[in-house]
Each structure stands twice: as structure tokens, then as C-alpha cells.
Amino acid sequence: MRTVISNAMDGINTENFELPLYSRQGVRVELLLNATTRSSAANRVVGVVMVGQDITEKKDMEKAQIAAAKARAASDAK
């Protein structure tokens, strides 16, 4: 996350950066981050807007779909 913020402060926007984190309870959470630089009228970087979206359910569904497809392929191969 530090790299995303640093890049944004240098004027490099970041889109769709996936970041796994762990909650205080030890639960893994998948985040999708977007960072956009905010500049002044003089074109100086004055801040960064970051938006994080919890995509844990989406990632879990994708993993389940891949596992099901592999299972079907193994079954069809028999």
C-alpha cells in the first residue's frame, strides 16, 4: 500500500491494485485499491484519493469456479 501512495504522490495513478490484508481478528480480506492524485491549480500534488473495495467474496467465488472447472475436467478425463 505504501508503494501505491508513494506513486500517487509522484503523480502516478494506480487502478485495480489487489491487496490481501488480515483483519485484527485474523481474517483474510482481499481489497481492490484505486489511487488518484489530486493537484493544485499550480499543478502541485496536494493529496491522494484512495478508494478500497472489499472483493473477498468475488475472489472466493472465482476460486470456487476454478476448482469446480478442474473437478469437471478431471471427471471428464476418466
C-alpha atoms as a PDB file:
ATOM      1  CA  MET A   1       0.000   0.000   0.000  1.00  0.00           C
ATOM      2  CA  ARG A   2       2.914   2.292   0.733  1.00  0.00           C
ATOM      3  CA  THR A   3       4.071   1.952  -2.893  1.00  0.00           C
ATOM      4  CA  VAL A   4       0.611   2.866  -4.208  1.00  0.00           C
ATOM      5  CA  ILE A   5       0.509   6.007  -2.044  1.00  0.00           C
ATOM      6  CA  SER A   6       4.086   6.942  -2.939  1.00  0.00           C
ATOM      7  CA  ASN A   7       3.377   6.533  -6.654  1.00  0.00           C
ATOM      8  CA  ALA A   8       0.236   8.660  -6.353  1.00  0.00           C
ATOM      9  CA  MET A   9       2.218  11.392  -4.586  1.00  0.00           C
ATOM     10  CA  ASP A  10       4.586  11.284  -7.580  1.00  0.00           C
ATOM     11  CA  GLY A  11       1.626  11.764  -9.941  1.00  0.00           C
ATOM     12  CA  ILE A  12       1.265   8.101 -10.944  1.00  0.00           C
ATOM     13  CA  ASN A  13      -2.336   6.935 -10.581  1.00  0.00           C
ATOM     14  CA  THR A  14      -2.984   3.312  -9.679  1.00  0.00           C
ATOM     15  CA  GLU A  15      -6.019   1.383 -10.815  1.00  0.00           C
ATOM     16  CA  ASN A  16      -7.188  -2.036  -9.682  1.00  0.00           C
ATOM     17  CA  PHE A  17      -4.349  -2.920  -7.327  1.00  0.00           C
ATOM     18  CA  GLU A  18      -5.310  -6.077  -5.433  1.00  0.00           C
ATOM     19  CA  LEU A  19      -4.089  -6.216  -1.865  1.00  0.00           C
ATOM     20  CA  PRO A  20      -4.630  -9.034   0.637  1.00  0.00           C
ATOM     21  CA  LEU A  21      -4.873  -7.890   4.258  1.00  0.00           C
ATOM     22  CA  TYR A  22      -5.666  -9.515   7.576  1.00  0.00           C
ATOM     23  CA  SER A  23      -8.209  -8.044   9.965  1.00  0.00           C
ATOM     24  CA  ARG A  24      -7.486  -7.682  13.659  1.00  0.00           C
ATOM     25  CA  GLN A  25      -9.390 -10.933  14.122  1.00  0.00           C
ATOM     26  CA  GLY A  26      -7.005 -12.684  11.702  1.00  0.00           C
ATOM     27  CA  VAL A  27      -9.499 -12.927   8.835  1.00  0.00           C
ATOM     28  CA  ARG A  28      -8.019 -12.528   5.352  1.00  0.00           C
ATOM     29  CA  VAL A  29      -9.659  -9.737   3.331  1.00  0.00           C
ATOM     30  CA  GLU A  30      -8.997  -9.005  -0.343  1.00  0.00           C
ATOM     31  CA  LEU A  31      -9.066  -5.312  -1.267  1.00  0.00           C
ATOM     32  CA  LEU A  32      -9.118  -3.644  -4.651  1.00  0.00           C
ATOM     33  CA  LEU A  33      -7.392  -0.250  -4.399  1.00  0.00           C
ATOM     34  CA  ASN A  34      -7.501   2.734  -6.692  1.00  0.00           C
ATOM     35  CA  ALA A  35      -5.379   5.816  -6.022  1.00  0.00           C
ATOM     36  CA  THR A  36      -5.712   9.129  -7.818  1.00  0.00           C
ATOM     37  CA  THR A  37      -3.509  12.186  -7.397  1.00  0.00           C
ATOM     38  CA  ARG A  38      -5.125  15.495  -6.507  1.00  0.00           C
ATOM     39  CA  SER A  39      -3.269  18.543  -7.781  1.00  0.00           C
ATOM     40  CA  SER A  40      -3.489  22.255  -7.082  1.00  0.00           C
ATOM     41  CA  ALA A  41      -4.104  24.906  -9.741  1.00  0.00           C
ATOM     42  CA  ALA A  42      -0.298  25.260  -9.909  1.00  0.00           C
ATOM     43  CA  ASN A  43      -0.114  21.533 -10.764  1.00  0.00           C
ATOM     44  CA  ARG A  44       1.461  20.580  -7.428  1.00  0.00           C
ATOM     45  CA  VAL A  45       0.379  17.350  -5.804  1.00  0.00           C
ATOM     46  CA  VAL A  46      -1.693  18.271  -2.757  1.00  0.00           C
ATOM     47  CA  GLY A  47      -3.096  14.883  -1.880  1.00  0.00           C
ATOM     48  CA  VAL A  48      -4.241  11.459  -2.879  1.00  0.00           C
ATOM     49  CA  VAL A  49      -7.715   9.988  -3.037  1.00  0.00           C
ATOM     50  CA  MET A  50      -7.714   6.266  -2.366  1.00  0.00           C
ATOM     51  CA  VAL A  51     -10.728   4.023  -2.675  1.00  0.00           C
ATOM     52  CA  GLY A  52     -10.692   0.483  -1.375  1.00  0.00           C
ATOM     53  CA  GLN A  53     -13.305  -2.093  -2.219  1.00  0.00           C
ATOM     54  CA  ASP A  54     -13.702  -5.405  -0.389  1.00  0.00           C
ATOM     55  CA  ILE A  55     -13.579  -8.071  -3.119  1.00  0.00           C
ATOM     56  CA  THR A  56     -13.192 -11.053  -0.790  1.00  0.00           C
ATOM     57  CA  GLU A  57     -16.495 -12.691  -1.824  1.00  0.00           C
ATOM     58  CA  LYS A  58     -15.736 -12.172  -5.507  1.00  0.00           C
ATOM     59  CA  LYS A  59     -12.274 -13.757  -5.154  1.00  0.00           C
ATOM     60  CA  ASP A  60     -13.740 -16.683  -3.175  1.00  0.00           C
ATOM     61  CA  MET A  61     -16.347 -17.281  -5.899  1.00  0.00           C
ATOM     62  CA  GLU A  62     -13.652 -17.179  -8.599  1.00  0.00           C
ATOM     63  CA  LYS A  63     -11.593 -19.768  -6.683  1.00  0.00           C
ATOM     64  CA  ALA A  64     -14.652 -21.989  -6.284  1.00  0.00           C
ATOM     65  CA  GLN A  65     -15.445 -21.739 -10.000  1.00  0.00           C
ATOM     66  CA  ILE A  66     -11.870 -22.677 -10.923  1.00  0.00           C
ATOM     67  CA  ALA A  67     -11.942 -25.639  -8.530  1.00  0.00           C
ATOM     68  CA  ALA A  68     -15.287 -26.805  -9.987  1.00  0.00           C
ATOM     69  CA  ALA A  69     -13.967 -26.500 -13.537  1.00  0.00           C
ATOM     70  CA  LYS A  70     -10.875 -28.533 -12.623  1.00  0.00           C
ATOM     71  CA  ALA A  71     -13.055 -31.172 -10.983  1.00  0.00           C
ATOM     72  CA  ARG A  72     -15.283 -31.371 -14.090  1.00  0.00           C
ATOM     73  CA  ALA A  73     -12.222 -31.646 -16.328  1.00  0.00           C
ATOM     74  CA  ALA A  74     -10.798 -34.446 -14.180  1.00  0.00           C
ATOM     75  CA  SER A  75     -14.150 -36.234 -14.188  1.00  0.00           C
ATOM     76  CA  ASP A  76     -14.484 -35.873 -17.978  1.00  0.00           C
ATOM     77  CA  ALA A  77     -10.963 -37.234 -18.451  1.00  0.00           C
ATOM     78  CA  LYS A  78     -11.959 -40.506 -16.754  1.00  0.00           C
END
